[in-house]
Amino acid sequence: PGGMLLIAERDGRVVGVGALRRLSADVAEVK
């Protein structure tokens, strides 16, 4: 519940990534 990991796929192959995490209840950080 404290984060999110996204991937970007092209033709079924992972070619990108981006993540998010909570720093506090009202602050999130892109990683």
All heavy atoms as atom14 arrays in JSON, in Angstrom:
{
  "sequence": "PGGMLLIAERDGRVVGVGALRRLSADVAEVK",
  "atom14_mask": [
    [1, 1, 1, 1, 1, 1, 1, 0, 0, 0, 0, 0, 0, 0],
    [1, 1, 1, 1, 0, 0, 0, 0, 0, 0, 0, 0, 0, 0],
    [1, 1, 1, 1, 0, 0, 0, 0, 0, 0, 0, 0, 0, 0],
    [1, 1, 1, 1, 1, 1, 1, 1, 0, 0, 0, 0, 0, 0],
    [1, 1, 1, 1, 1, 1, 1, 1, 0, 0, 0, 0, 0, 0],
    [1, 1, 1, 1, 1, 1, 1, 1, 0, 0, 0, 0, 0, 0],
    [1, 1, 1, 1, 1, 1, 1, 1, 0, 0, 0, 0, 0, 0],
    [1, 1, 1, 1, 1, 0, 0, 0, 0, 0, 0, 0, 0, 0],
    [1, 1, 1, 1, 1, 1, 1, 1, 1, 0, 0, 0, 0, 0],
    [1, 1, 1, 1, 1, 1, 1, 1, 1, 1, 1, 0, 0, 0],
    [1, 1, 1, 1, 1, 1, 1, 1, 0, 0, 0, 0, 0, 0],
    [1, 1, 1, 1, 0, 0, 0, 0, 0, 0, 0, 0, 0, 0],
    [1, 1, 1, 1, 1, 1, 1, 1, 1, 1, 1, 0, 0, 0],
    [1, 1, 1, 1, 1, 1, 1, 0, 0, 0, 0, 0, 0, 0],
    [1, 1, 1, 1, 1, 1, 1, 0, 0, 0, 0, 0, 0, 0],
    [1, 1, 1, 1, 0, 0, 0, 0, 0, 0, 0, 0, 0, 0],
    [1, 1, 1, 1, 1, 1, 1, 0, 0, 0, 0, 0, 0, 0],
    [1, 1, 1, 1, 0, 0, 0, 0, 0, 0, 0, 0, 0, 0],
    [1, 1, 1, 1, 1, 0, 0, 0, 0, 0, 0, 0, 0, 0],
    [1, 1, 1, 1, 1, 1, 1, 1, 0, 0, 0, 0, 0, 0],
    [1, 1, 1, 1, 1, 1, 1, 1, 1, 1, 1, 0, 0, 0],
    [1, 1, 1, 1, 1, 1, 1, 1, 1, 1, 1, 0, 0, 0],
    [1, 1, 1, 1, 1, 1, 1, 1, 0, 0, 0, 0, 0, 0],
    [1, 1, 1, 1, 1, 1, 0, 0, 0, 0, 0, 0, 0, 0],
    [1, 1, 1, 1, 1, 0, 0, 0, 0, 0, 0, 0, 0, 0],
    [1, 1, 1, 1, 1, 1, 1, 1, 0, 0, 0, 0, 0, 0],
    [1, 1, 1, 1, 1, 1, 1, 0, 0, 0, 0, 0, 0, 0],
    [1, 1, 1, 1, 1, 0, 0, 0, 0, 0, 0, 0, 0, 0],
    [1, 1, 1, 1, 1, 1, 1, 1, 1, 0, 0, 0, 0, 0],
    [1, 1, 1, 1, 1, 1, 1, 0, 0, 0, 0, 0, 0, 0],
    [1, 1, 1, 1, 1, 1, 1, 1, 1, 0, 0, 0, 0, 0]
  ],
  "atom14_positions": [
    [[0.8, -1.22, 0.0], [0.0, 0.0, 0.0], [0.83, 1.28, 0.0], [0.29, 2.35, -0.23], [-0.79, -0.1, 1.29], [0.13, -0.81, 2.23], [0.9, -1.79, 1.35], [0.0, 0.0, 0.0], [0.0, 0.0, 0.0], [0.0, 0.0, 0.0], [0.0, 0.0, 0.0], [0.0, 0.0, 0.0], [0.0, 0.0, 0.0], [0.0, 0.0, 0.0]],
    [[2.15, 1.2, 0.22], [2.95, 2.42, 0.32], [3.65, 2.82, -0.95], [4.38, 3.8, -0.96], [0.0, 0.0, 0.0], [0.0, 0.0, 0.0], [0.0, 0.0, 0.0], [0.0, 0.0, 0.0], [0.0, 0.0, 0.0], [0.0, 0.0, 0.0], [0.0, 0.0, 0.0], [0.0, 0.0, 0.0], [0.0, 0.0, 0.0], [0.0, 0.0, 0.0]],
    [[3.42, 2.1, -2.03], [4.11, 2.42, -3.26], [3.38, 1.91, -4.48], [2.34, 1.26, -4.38], [0.0, 0.0, 0.0], [0.0, 0.0, 0.0], [0.0, 0.0, 0.0], [0.0, 0.0, 0.0], [0.0, 0.0, 0.0], [0.0, 0.0, 0.0], [0.0, 0.0, 0.0], [0.0, 0.0, 0.0], [0.0, 0.0, 0.0], [0.0, 0.0, 0.0]],
    [[3.95, 2.21, -5.63], [3.4, 1.75, -6.91], [4.57, 1.63, -7.88], [5.4, 2.53, -7.98], [2.38, 2.76, -7.45], [1.84, 2.42, -8.83], [0.84, 0.92, -8.91], [-0.51, 1.34, -7.83], [0.0, 0.0, 0.0], [0.0, 0.0, 0.0], [0.0, 0.0, 0.0], [0.0, 0.0, 0.0], [0.0, 0.0, 0.0], [0.0, 0.0, 0.0]],
    [[4.62, 0.52, -8.58], [5.64, 0.3, -9.6], [4.92, 0.1, -10.92], [4.09, -0.8, -11.05], [6.48, -0.93, -9.26], [7.56, -1.34, -10.25], [8.59, -0.22, -10.42], [8.24, -2.62, -9.8], [0.0, 0.0, 0.0], [0.0, 0.0, 0.0], [0.0, 0.0, 0.0], [0.0, 0.0, 0.0], [0.0, 0.0, 0.0], [0.0, 0.0, 0.0]],
    [[5.23, 0.95, -11.88], [4.65, 0.85, -13.21], [5.72, 0.41, -14.19], [6.89, 0.75, -14.04], [4.1, 2.21, -13.66], [3.0, 2.83, -12.84], [2.62, 4.19, -13.42], [1.78, 1.92, -12.76], [0.0, 0.0, 0.0], [0.0, 0.0, 0.0], [0.0, 0.0, 0.0], [0.0, 0.0, 0.0], [0.0, 0.0, 0.0], [0.0, 0.0, 0.0]],
    [[5.28, -0.32, -15.2], [6.17, -0.66, -16.3], [5.51, -0.23, -17.61], [4.29, -0.16, -17.72], [6.54, -2.15, -16.33], [5.3, -3.03, -16.46], [7.37, -2.53, -15.12], [5.64, -4.49, -16.73], [0.0, 0.0, 0.0], [0.0, 0.0, 0.0], [0.0, 0.0, 0.0], [0.0, 0.0, 0.0], [0.0, 0.0, 0.0], [0.0, 0.0, 0.0]],
    [[6.36, 0.03, -18.57], [5.92, 0.31, -19.94], [6.38, -0.86, -20.78], [7.54, -1.28, -20.71], [6.54, 1.61, -20.45], [0.0, 0.0, 0.0], [0.0, 0.0, 0.0], [0.0, 0.0, 0.0], [0.0, 0.0, 0.0], [0.0, 0.0, 0.0], [0.0, 0.0, 0.0], [0.0, 0.0, 0.0], [0.0, 0.0, 0.0], [0.0, 0.0, 0.0]],
    [[5.44, -1.41, -21.54], [5.75, -2.53, -22.41], [5.56, -2.12, -23.86], [4.64, -1.37, -24.18], [4.8, -3.7, -22.16], [5.04, -4.46, -20.9], [4.07, -5.63, -20.77], [2.89, -5.5, -21.15], [4.51, -6.66, -20.27], [0.0, 0.0, 0.0], [0.0, 0.0, 0.0], [0.0, 0.0, 0.0], [0.0, 0.0, 0.0], [0.0, 0.0, 0.0]],
    [[6.42, -2.66, -24.69], [6.27, -2.51, -26.13], [6.33, -3.91, -26.71], [7.33, -4.61, -26.56], [7.38, -1.65, -26.71], [7.25, -1.46, -28.2], [8.37, -0.61, -28.72], [8.08, -0.17, -30.07], [8.95, 0.41, -30.85], [10.18, 0.65, -30.4], [8.63, 0.77, -32.06], [0.0, 0.0, 0.0], [0.0, 0.0, 0.0], [0.0, 0.0, 0.0]],
    [[5.23, -4.3, -27.34], [5.13, -5.64, -27.93], [5.51, -6.73, -26.92], [6.23, -7.68, -27.24], [5.99, -5.74, -29.19], [5.53, -4.77, -30.27], [4.32, -4.53, -30.37], [6.39, -4.24, -31.0], [0.0, 0.0, 0.0], [0.0, 0.0, 0.0], [0.0, 0.0, 0.0], [0.0, 0.0, 0.0], [0.0, 0.0, 0.0], [0.0, 0.0, 0.0]],
    [[5.04, -6.56, -25.68], [5.25, -7.55, -24.64], [6.6, -7.5, -23.94], [6.86, -8.29, -23.04], [0.0, 0.0, 0.0], [0.0, 0.0, 0.0], [0.0, 0.0, 0.0], [0.0, 0.0, 0.0], [0.0, 0.0, 0.0], [0.0, 0.0, 0.0], [0.0, 0.0, 0.0], [0.0, 0.0, 0.0], [0.0, 0.0, 0.0], [0.0, 0.0, 0.0]],
    [[7.46, -6.56, -24.33], [8.8, -6.44, -23.72], [8.84, -5.19, -22.86], [8.42, -4.12, -23.28], [9.86, -6.35, -24.82], [11.27, -6.53, -24.33], [12.24, -6.65, -25.5], [12.35, -5.42, -26.26], [13.21, -4.45, -25.99], [14.05, -4.56, -24.99], [13.25, -3.37, -26.74], [0.0, 0.0, 0.0], [0.0, 0.0, 0.0], [0.0, 0.0, 0.0]],
    [[9.33, -5.33, -21.63], [9.42, -4.19, -20.71], [10.52, -3.25, -21.19], [11.67, -3.64, -21.31], [9.67, -4.66, -19.26], [9.85, -3.47, -18.33], [8.53, -5.55, -18.79], [0.0, 0.0, 0.0], [0.0, 0.0, 0.0], [0.0, 0.0, 0.0], [0.0, 0.0, 0.0], [0.0, 0.0, 0.0], [0.0, 0.0, 0.0], [0.0, 0.0, 0.0]],
    [[10.12, -1.98, -21.47], [11.07, -0.99, -21.98], [11.12, 0.28, -21.12], [11.89, 1.18, -21.41], [10.76, -0.62, -23.45], [10.97, -1.82, -24.36], [9.36, -0.06, -23.59], [0.0, 0.0, 0.0], [0.0, 0.0, 0.0], [0.0, 0.0, 0.0], [0.0, 0.0, 0.0], [0.0, 0.0, 0.0], [0.0, 0.0, 0.0], [0.0, 0.0, 0.0]],
    [[10.29, 0.34, -20.09], [10.29, 1.52, -19.23], [9.78, 1.16, -17.85], [9.06, 0.18, -17.66], [0.0, 0.0, 0.0], [0.0, 0.0, 0.0], [0.0, 0.0, 0.0], [0.0, 0.0, 0.0], [0.0, 0.0, 0.0], [0.0, 0.0, 0.0], [0.0, 0.0, 0.0], [0.0, 0.0, 0.0], [0.0, 0.0, 0.0], [0.0, 0.0, 0.0]],
    [[10.18, 1.99, -16.88], [9.79, 1.77, -15.5], [9.65, 3.11, -14.8], [10.31, 4.09, -15.17], [10.83, 0.86, -14.79], [12.17, 1.52, -14.68], [10.34, 0.38, -13.47], [0.0, 0.0, 0.0], [0.0, 0.0, 0.0], [0.0, 0.0, 0.0], [0.0, 0.0, 0.0], [0.0, 0.0, 0.0], [0.0, 0.0, 0.0], [0.0, 0.0, 0.0]],
    [[8.78, 3.17, -13.83], [8.62, 4.35, -12.99], [7.98, 3.91, -11.68], [7.14, 3.01, -11.67], [0.0, 0.0, 0.0], [0.0, 0.0, 0.0], [0.0, 0.0, 0.0], [0.0, 0.0, 0.0], [0.0, 0.0, 0.0], [0.0, 0.0, 0.0], [0.0, 0.0, 0.0], [0.0, 0.0, 0.0], [0.0, 0.0, 0.0], [0.0, 0.0, 0.0]],
    [[8.4, 4.52, -10.6], [7.9, 4.1, -9.29], [7.45, 5.3, -8.47], [7.82, 6.45, -8.75], [9.0, 3.34, -8.54], [0.0, 0.0, 0.0], [0.0, 0.0, 0.0], [0.0, 0.0, 0.0], [0.0, 0.0, 0.0], [0.0, 0.0, 0.0], [0.0, 0.0, 0.0], [0.0, 0.0, 0.0], [0.0, 0.0, 0.0], [0.0, 0.0, 0.0]],
    [[6.65, 5.0, -7.49], [6.12, 6.0, -6.59], [6.15, 5.42, -5.19], [5.91, 4.22, -5.01], [4.66, 6.3, -6.99], [3.96, 7.49, -6.4], [4.59, 8.78, -6.86], [2.48, 7.46, -6.81], [0.0, 0.0, 0.0], [0.0, 0.0, 0.0], [0.0, 0.0, 0.0], [0.0, 0.0, 0.0], [0.0, 0.0, 0.0], [0.0, 0.0, 0.0]],
    [[6.47, 6.26, -4.22], [6.41, 5.82, -2.83], [5.91, 6.97, -1.98], [6.07, 8.14, -2.32], [7.77, 5.33, -2.33], [8.81, 6.41, -2.2], [10.13, 5.86, -1.72], [11.08, 6.96, -1.53], [11.95, 7.03, -0.56], [12.03, 6.06, 0.32], [12.76, 8.05, -0.46], [0.0, 0.0, 0.0], [0.0, 0.0, 0.0], [0.0, 0.0, 0.0]],
    [[5.28, 6.59, -0.88], [4.81, 7.6, 0.08], [5.96, 8.02, 0.96], [6.69, 7.18, 1.47], [3.72, 7.02, 0.97], [2.41, 6.77, 0.28], [1.41, 6.24, 1.31], [0.22, 5.76, 0.68], [-0.89, 6.49, 0.51], [-0.93, 7.72, 0.92], [-1.94, 5.97, -0.08], [0.0, 0.0, 0.0], [0.0, 0.0, 0.0], [0.0, 0.0, 0.0]],
    [[6.08, 9.34, 1.15], [7.01, 9.86, 2.13], [6.28, 10.17, 3.43], [6.88, 10.14, 4.5], [7.72, 11.11, 1.62], [8.69, 10.9, 0.45], [9.3, 12.23, 0.02], [9.77, 9.9, 0.81], [0.0, 0.0, 0.0], [0.0, 0.0, 0.0], [0.0, 0.0, 0.0], [0.0, 0.0, 0.0], [0.0, 0.0, 0.0], [0.0, 0.0, 0.0]],
    [[4.99, 10.5, 3.31], [4.12, 10.74, 4.46], [2.69, 10.61, 3.96], [2.47, 10.33, 2.79], [4.37, 12.13, 5.06], [3.93, 13.14, 4.17], [0.0, 0.0, 0.0], [0.0, 0.0, 0.0], [0.0, 0.0, 0.0], [0.0, 0.0, 0.0], [0.0, 0.0, 0.0], [0.0, 0.0, 0.0], [0.0, 0.0, 0.0], [0.0, 0.0, 0.0]],
    [[1.74, 10.85, 4.83], [0.33, 10.71, 4.43], [-0.04, 11.65, 3.29], [-0.89, 11.31, 2.46], [-0.58, 10.97, 5.63], [0.0, 0.0, 0.0], [0.0, 0.0, 0.0], [0.0, 0.0, 0.0], [0.0, 0.0, 0.0], [0.0, 0.0, 0.0], [0.0, 0.0, 0.0], [0.0, 0.0, 0.0], [0.0, 0.0, 0.0], [0.0, 0.0, 0.0]],
    [[0.61, 12.8, 3.2], [0.23, 13.76, 2.16], [1.35, 14.1, 1.17], [1.22, 15.0, 0.36], [-0.33, 15.04, 2.79], [0.64, 15.74, 3.72], [1.7, 15.17, 4.02], [0.33, 16.86, 4.15], [0.0, 0.0, 0.0], [0.0, 0.0, 0.0], [0.0, 0.0, 0.0], [0.0, 0.0, 0.0], [0.0, 0.0, 0.0], [0.0, 0.0, 0.0]],
    [[2.46, 13.35, 1.21], [3.58, 13.59, 0.29], [4.0, 12.26, -0.34], [4.22, 11.27, 0.35], [4.79, 14.22, 1.02], [5.94, 14.43, 0.04], [4.4, 15.53, 1.7], [0.0, 0.0, 0.0], [0.0, 0.0, 0.0], [0.0, 0.0, 0.0], [0.0, 0.0, 0.0], [0.0, 0.0, 0.0], [0.0, 0.0, 0.0], [0.0, 0.0, 0.0]],
    [[4.1, 12.27, -1.67], [4.58, 11.11, -2.42], [5.83, 11.51, -3.2], [6.07, 12.7, -3.43], [3.5, 10.59, -3.36], [0.0, 0.0, 0.0], [0.0, 0.0, 0.0], [0.0, 0.0, 0.0], [0.0, 0.0, 0.0], [0.0, 0.0, 0.0], [0.0, 0.0, 0.0], [0.0, 0.0, 0.0], [0.0, 0.0, 0.0], [0.0, 0.0, 0.0]],
    [[6.6, 10.5, -3.61], [7.84, 10.76, -4.32], [7.95, 9.84, -5.54], [7.73, 8.63, -5.43], [9.03, 10.51, -3.38], [10.37, 10.78, -4.01], [11.54, 10.42, -3.11], [11.45, 9.42, -2.36], [12.55, 11.13, -3.17], [0.0, 0.0, 0.0], [0.0, 0.0, 0.0], [0.0, 0.0, 0.0], [0.0, 0.0, 0.0], [0.0, 0.0, 0.0]],
    [[8.31, 10.41, -6.67], [8.58, 9.66, -7.89], [10.01, 9.15, -7.82], [10.93, 9.89, -7.46], [8.41, 10.57, -9.14], [8.87, 9.85, -10.4], [6.97, 11.04, -9.28], [0.0, 0.0, 0.0], [0.0, 0.0, 0.0], [0.0, 0.0, 0.0], [0.0, 0.0, 0.0], [0.0, 0.0, 0.0], [0.0, 0.0, 0.0], [0.0, 0.0, 0.0]],
    [[10.2, 7.88, -8.17], [11.52, 7.27, -8.15], [11.74, 6.42, -9.4], [10.8, 5.9, -9.98], [11.67, 6.34, -6.92], [11.6, 7.04, -5.58], [12.64, 8.11, -5.36], [14.05, 7.61, -5.38], [15.04, 8.7, -5.25], [0.0, 0.0, 0.0], [0.0, 0.0, 0.0], [0.0, 0.0, 0.0], [0.0, 0.0, 0.0], [0.0, 0.0, 0.0]]
  ]
}
